[in-house]
């Protein structure tokens, strides 16, 4: 195994672990294990408004966000495993990694849309501004 392949495998392993950690954090925020804070979670003005908004928003976003992370992790892991077993063109592994990041980002953004829609129904009529 040459140095470039080893570097790609280490990067892929890190990215898969990062996707798994993000999926766990999304699920933990959706179930109330992670409370409202300034470091982890979706931190829009609407979701940071109150604890009920935080929990409802993360609950609404969790399904699509975690699905995006798990699909991205699966794609990245599959490309890493296939690249070890079979000689592929040089662009395949980086393209799969970028596609995985795009899938994760798409899931998170779709989840964010769902979160904002759900939270808008809690405080209908109130103007929520960031502090």
C-alpha atoms as a PDB file:
ATOM      1  CA  UNK A   1       0.000   0.000   0.000  1.00  0.00           C
ATOM      2  CA  UNK A   2       1.498   3.305  -1.063  1.00  0.00           C
ATOM      3  CA  UNK A   3       1.441   6.529   0.915  1.00  0.00           C
ATOM      4  CA  UNK A   4      -1.338   8.135  -1.096  1.00  0.00           C
ATOM      5  CA  UNK A   5      -3.694   5.199  -0.554  1.00  0.00           C
ATOM      6  CA  UNK A   6      -2.915   5.166   3.164  1.00  0.00           C
ATOM      7  CA  UNK A   7      -3.618   8.889   3.396  1.00  0.00           C
ATOM      8  CA  UNK A   8      -6.942   8.429   1.607  1.00  0.00           C
ATOM      9  CA  UNK A   9      -7.905   5.610   3.962  1.00  0.00           C
ATOM     10  CA  UNK A  10      -7.036   7.619   7.060  1.00  0.00           C
ATOM     11  CA  UNK A  11      -9.023  10.572   5.727  1.00  0.00           C
ATOM     12  CA  UNK A  12     -11.953   8.316   4.885  1.00  0.00           C
ATOM     13  CA  UNK A  13     -11.909   6.753   8.347  1.00  0.00           C
ATOM     14  CA  UNK A  14     -11.877  10.204   9.935  1.00  0.00           C
ATOM     15  CA  UNK A  15     -14.762  11.387   7.748  1.00  0.00           C
ATOM     16  CA  UNK A  16     -16.859   8.281   8.511  1.00  0.00           C
ATOM     17  CA  UNK A  17     -16.279   8.773  12.245  1.00  0.00           C
ATOM     18  CA  UNK A  18     -17.157  12.459  11.891  1.00  0.00           C
ATOM     19  CA  UNK A  19     -20.427  11.598  10.118  1.00  0.00           C
ATOM     20  CA  UNK A  20     -21.269   9.058  12.852  1.00  0.00           C
ATOM     21  CA  UNK A  21     -20.539  11.644  15.556  1.00  0.00           C
ATOM     22  CA  UNK A  22     -22.737  14.205  13.829  1.00  0.00           C
ATOM     23  CA  UNK A  23     -25.578  11.693  13.528  1.00  0.00           C
ATOM     24  CA  UNK A  24     -25.248  10.860  17.239  1.00  0.00           C
ATOM     25  CA  UNK A  25     -25.265  14.556  18.180  1.00  0.00           C
ATOM     26  CA  UNK A  26     -28.378  15.190  16.096  1.00  0.00           C
ATOM     27  CA  UNK A  27     -30.190  12.291  17.708  1.00  0.00           C
ATOM     28  CA  UNK A  28     -29.032  13.356  21.193  1.00  0.00           C
ATOM     29  CA  UNK A  29     -30.241  16.938  20.657  1.00  0.00           C
ATOM     30  CA  UNK A  30     -33.568  15.620  19.346  1.00  0.00           C
ATOM     31  CA  UNK A  31     -34.126  13.462  22.433  1.00  0.00           C
ATOM     32  CA  UNK A  32     -33.105  16.139  24.929  1.00  0.00           C
ATOM     33  CA  UNK A  33     -29.764  14.607  25.934  1.00  0.00           C
ATOM     34  CA  UNK A  34     -28.008  17.728  24.647  1.00  0.00           C
ATOM     35  CA  UNK A  35     -29.574  20.882  26.049  1.00  0.00           C
ATOM     36  CA  UNK A  36     -29.585  24.314  24.448  1.00  0.00           C
ATOM     37  CA  UNK A  37     -25.985  25.530  24.237  1.00  0.00           C
ATOM     38  CA  UNK A  38     -23.640  27.658  22.163  1.00  0.00           C
ATOM     39  CA  UNK A  39     -21.496  24.806  20.785  1.00  0.00           C
ATOM     40  CA  UNK A  40     -23.506  21.837  19.521  1.00  0.00           C
ATOM     41  CA  UNK A  41     -26.725  21.774  17.526  1.00  0.00           C
ATOM     42  CA  UNK A  42     -28.654  24.043  15.217  1.00  0.00           C
ATOM     43  CA  UNK A  43     -28.159  27.552  16.513  1.00  0.00           C
ATOM     44  CA  UNK A  44     -30.595  29.739  14.626  1.00  0.00           C
ATOM     45  CA  UNK A  45     -32.412  32.523  16.456  1.00  0.00           C
ATOM     46  CA  UNK A  46     -35.673  30.567  16.305  1.00  0.00           C
ATOM     47  CA  UNK A  47     -34.217  27.398  17.813  1.00  0.00           C
ATOM     48  CA  UNK A  48     -32.238  29.249  20.496  1.00  0.00           C
ATOM     49  CA  UNK A  49     -35.368  31.168  21.570  1.00  0.00           C
ATOM     50  CA  UNK A  50     -36.355  28.757  24.347  1.00  0.00           C
ATOM     51  CA  UNK A  51     -35.851  25.159  25.477  1.00  0.00           C
ATOM     52  CA  UNK A  52     -39.123  24.055  23.851  1.00  0.00           C
ATOM     53  CA  UNK A  53     -38.029  25.534  20.513  1.00  0.00           C
ATOM     54  CA  UNK A  54     -34.641  23.831  20.828  1.00  0.00           C
ATOM     55  CA  UNK A  55     -36.141  20.407  21.486  1.00  0.00           C
ATOM     56  CA  UNK A  56     -38.927  20.638  18.894  1.00  0.00           C
ATOM     57  CA  UNK A  57     -36.627  22.008  16.208  1.00  0.00           C
ATOM     58  CA  UNK A  58     -34.022  19.320  16.712  1.00  0.00           C
ATOM     59  CA  UNK A  59     -36.687  16.649  16.845  1.00  0.00           C
ATOM     60  CA  UNK A  60     -38.035  17.867  13.488  1.00  0.00           C
ATOM     61  CA  UNK A  61     -34.549  18.054  11.939  1.00  0.00           C
ATOM     62  CA  UNK A  62     -33.227  14.750  13.267  1.00  0.00           C
ATOM     63  CA  UNK A  63     -34.690  12.365  10.699  1.00  0.00           C
ATOM     64  CA  UNK A  64     -33.322  14.040   7.582  1.00  0.00           C
ATOM     65  CA  UNK A  65     -30.095  15.185   9.223  1.00  0.00           C
ATOM     66  CA  UNK A  66     -29.157  11.770  10.567  1.00  0.00           C
ATOM     67  CA  UNK A  67     -30.191  10.094   7.325  1.00  0.00           C
ATOM     68  CA  UNK A  68     -27.882  12.427   5.409  1.00  0.00           C
ATOM     69  CA  UNK A  69     -24.998  11.683   7.778  1.00  0.00           C
ATOM     70  CA  UNK A  70     -25.471   7.907   7.635  1.00  0.00           C
ATOM     71  CA  UNK A  71     -25.787   7.897   3.835  1.00  0.00           C
ATOM     72  CA  UNK A  72     -22.652  10.016   3.567  1.00  0.00           C
ATOM     73  CA  UNK A  73     -20.779   7.702   5.939  1.00  0.00           C
ATOM     74  CA  UNK A  74     -21.899   4.635   3.967  1.00  0.00           C
ATOM     75  CA  UNK A  75     -20.820   6.158   0.645  1.00  0.00           C
ATOM     76  CA  UNK A  76     -17.441   7.201   2.026  1.00  0.00           C
ATOM     77  CA  UNK A  77     -16.833   3.837   3.697  1.00  0.00           C
ATOM     78  CA  UNK A  78     -17.827   1.948   0.554  1.00  0.00           C
ATOM     79  CA  UNK A  79     -15.488   4.017  -1.606  1.00  0.00           C
ATOM     80  CA  UNK A  80     -12.648   3.437   0.859  1.00  0.00           C
ATOM     81  CA  UNK A  81     -13.202  -0.309   0.950  1.00  0.00           C
ATOM     82  CA  UNK A  82     -13.547  -0.603  -2.838  1.00  0.00           C
ATOM     83  CA  UNK A  83     -10.418   1.496  -3.397  1.00  0.00           C
ATOM     84  CA  UNK A  84      -8.417  -0.976  -1.292  1.00  0.00           C
ATOM     85  CA  UNK A  85      -9.818  -4.040  -3.050  1.00  0.00           C
ATOM     86  CA  UNK A  86      -9.852  -2.806  -6.651  1.00  0.00           C
ATOM     87  CA  UNK A  87      -7.671  -0.372  -8.552  1.00  0.00           C
ATOM     88  CA  UNK A  88      -9.884   2.569  -9.452  1.00  0.00           C
ATOM     89  CA  UNK A  89      -9.208   5.769 -11.372  1.00  0.00           C
ATOM     90  CA  UNK A  90      -7.669   8.441  -9.150  1.00  0.00           C
ATOM     91  CA  UNK A  91     -10.742  10.687  -9.184  1.00  0.00           C
ATOM     92  CA  UNK A  92     -13.223   8.104  -7.823  1.00  0.00           C
ATOM     93  CA  UNK A  93     -12.285   8.213  -4.133  1.00  0.00           C
ATOM     94  CA  UNK A  94     -12.146  12.039  -3.824  1.00  0.00           C
ATOM     95  CA  UNK A  95     -15.369  12.322  -5.838  1.00  0.00           C
ATOM     96  CA  UNK A  96     -17.106   9.877  -3.495  1.00  0.00           C
ATOM     97  CA  UNK A  97     -15.882  11.851  -0.484  1.00  0.00           C
ATOM     98  CA  UNK A  98     -17.155  15.117  -1.950  1.00  0.00           C
ATOM     99  CA  UNK A  99     -20.465  13.477  -2.857  1.00  0.00           C
ATOM    100  CA  UNK A 100     -20.749  12.209   0.722  1.00  0.00           C
ATOM    101  CA  UNK A 101     -20.195  15.696   2.107  1.00  0.00           C
ATOM    102  CA  UNK A 102     -22.821  17.040  -0.314  1.00  0.00           C
ATOM    103  CA  UNK A 103     -25.303  14.366   0.808  1.00  0.00           C
ATOM    104  CA  UNK A 104     -24.641  15.183   4.471  1.00  0.00           C
ATOM    105  CA  UNK A 105     -25.031  18.902   3.830  1.00  0.00           C
ATOM    106  CA  UNK A 106     -28.251  18.318   1.913  1.00  0.00           C
ATOM    107  CA  UNK A 107     -29.693  16.260   4.775  1.00  0.00           C
ATOM    108  CA  UNK A 108     -28.715  18.862   7.347  1.00  0.00           C
ATOM    109  CA  UNK A 109     -30.176  21.716   5.292  1.00  0.00           C
ATOM    110  CA  UNK A 110     -33.431  19.834   4.710  1.00  0.00           C
ATOM    111  CA  UNK A 111     -33.557  19.122   8.442  1.00  0.00           C
ATOM    112  CA  UNK A 112     -32.937  22.805   9.172  1.00  0.00           C
ATOM    113  CA  UNK A 113     -35.886  23.709   6.948  1.00  0.00           C
ATOM    114  CA  UNK A 114     -38.098  21.255   8.850  1.00  0.00           C
ATOM    115  CA  UNK A 115     -36.836  22.610  12.175  1.00  0.00           C
ATOM    116  CA  UNK A 116     -37.650  26.206  11.306  1.00  0.00           C
ATOM    117  CA  UNK A 117     -41.106  25.230  10.053  1.00  0.00           C
ATOM    118  CA  UNK A 118     -41.866  23.324  13.253  1.00  0.00           C
ATOM    119  CA  UNK A 119     -40.615  26.097  15.537  1.00  0.00           C
ATOM    120  CA  UNK A 120     -42.552  28.755  13.629  1.00  0.00           C
ATOM    121  CA  UNK A 121     -45.748  27.025  14.746  1.00  0.00           C
ATOM    122  CA  UNK A 122     -44.856  27.225  18.465  1.00  0.00           C
ATOM    123  CA  UNK A 123     -44.610  30.980  18.705  1.00  0.00           C
ATOM    124  CA  UNK A 124     -46.998  31.978  15.922  1.00  0.00           C
ATOM    125  CA  UNK A 125     -47.386  35.723  15.942  1.00  0.00           C
ATOM    126  CA  UNK A 126     -44.302  36.408  18.102  1.00  0.00           C
ATOM    127  CA  UNK A 127     -41.311  38.053  16.500  1.00  0.00           C
ATOM    128  CA  UNK A 128     -38.162  36.117  17.359  1.00  0.00           C
ATOM    129  CA  UNK A 129     -34.964  38.141  17.171  1.00  0.00           C
ATOM    130  CA  UNK A 130     -31.490  37.009  18.020  1.00  0.00           C
ATOM    131  CA  UNK A 131     -29.991  38.229  21.271  1.00  0.00           C
END
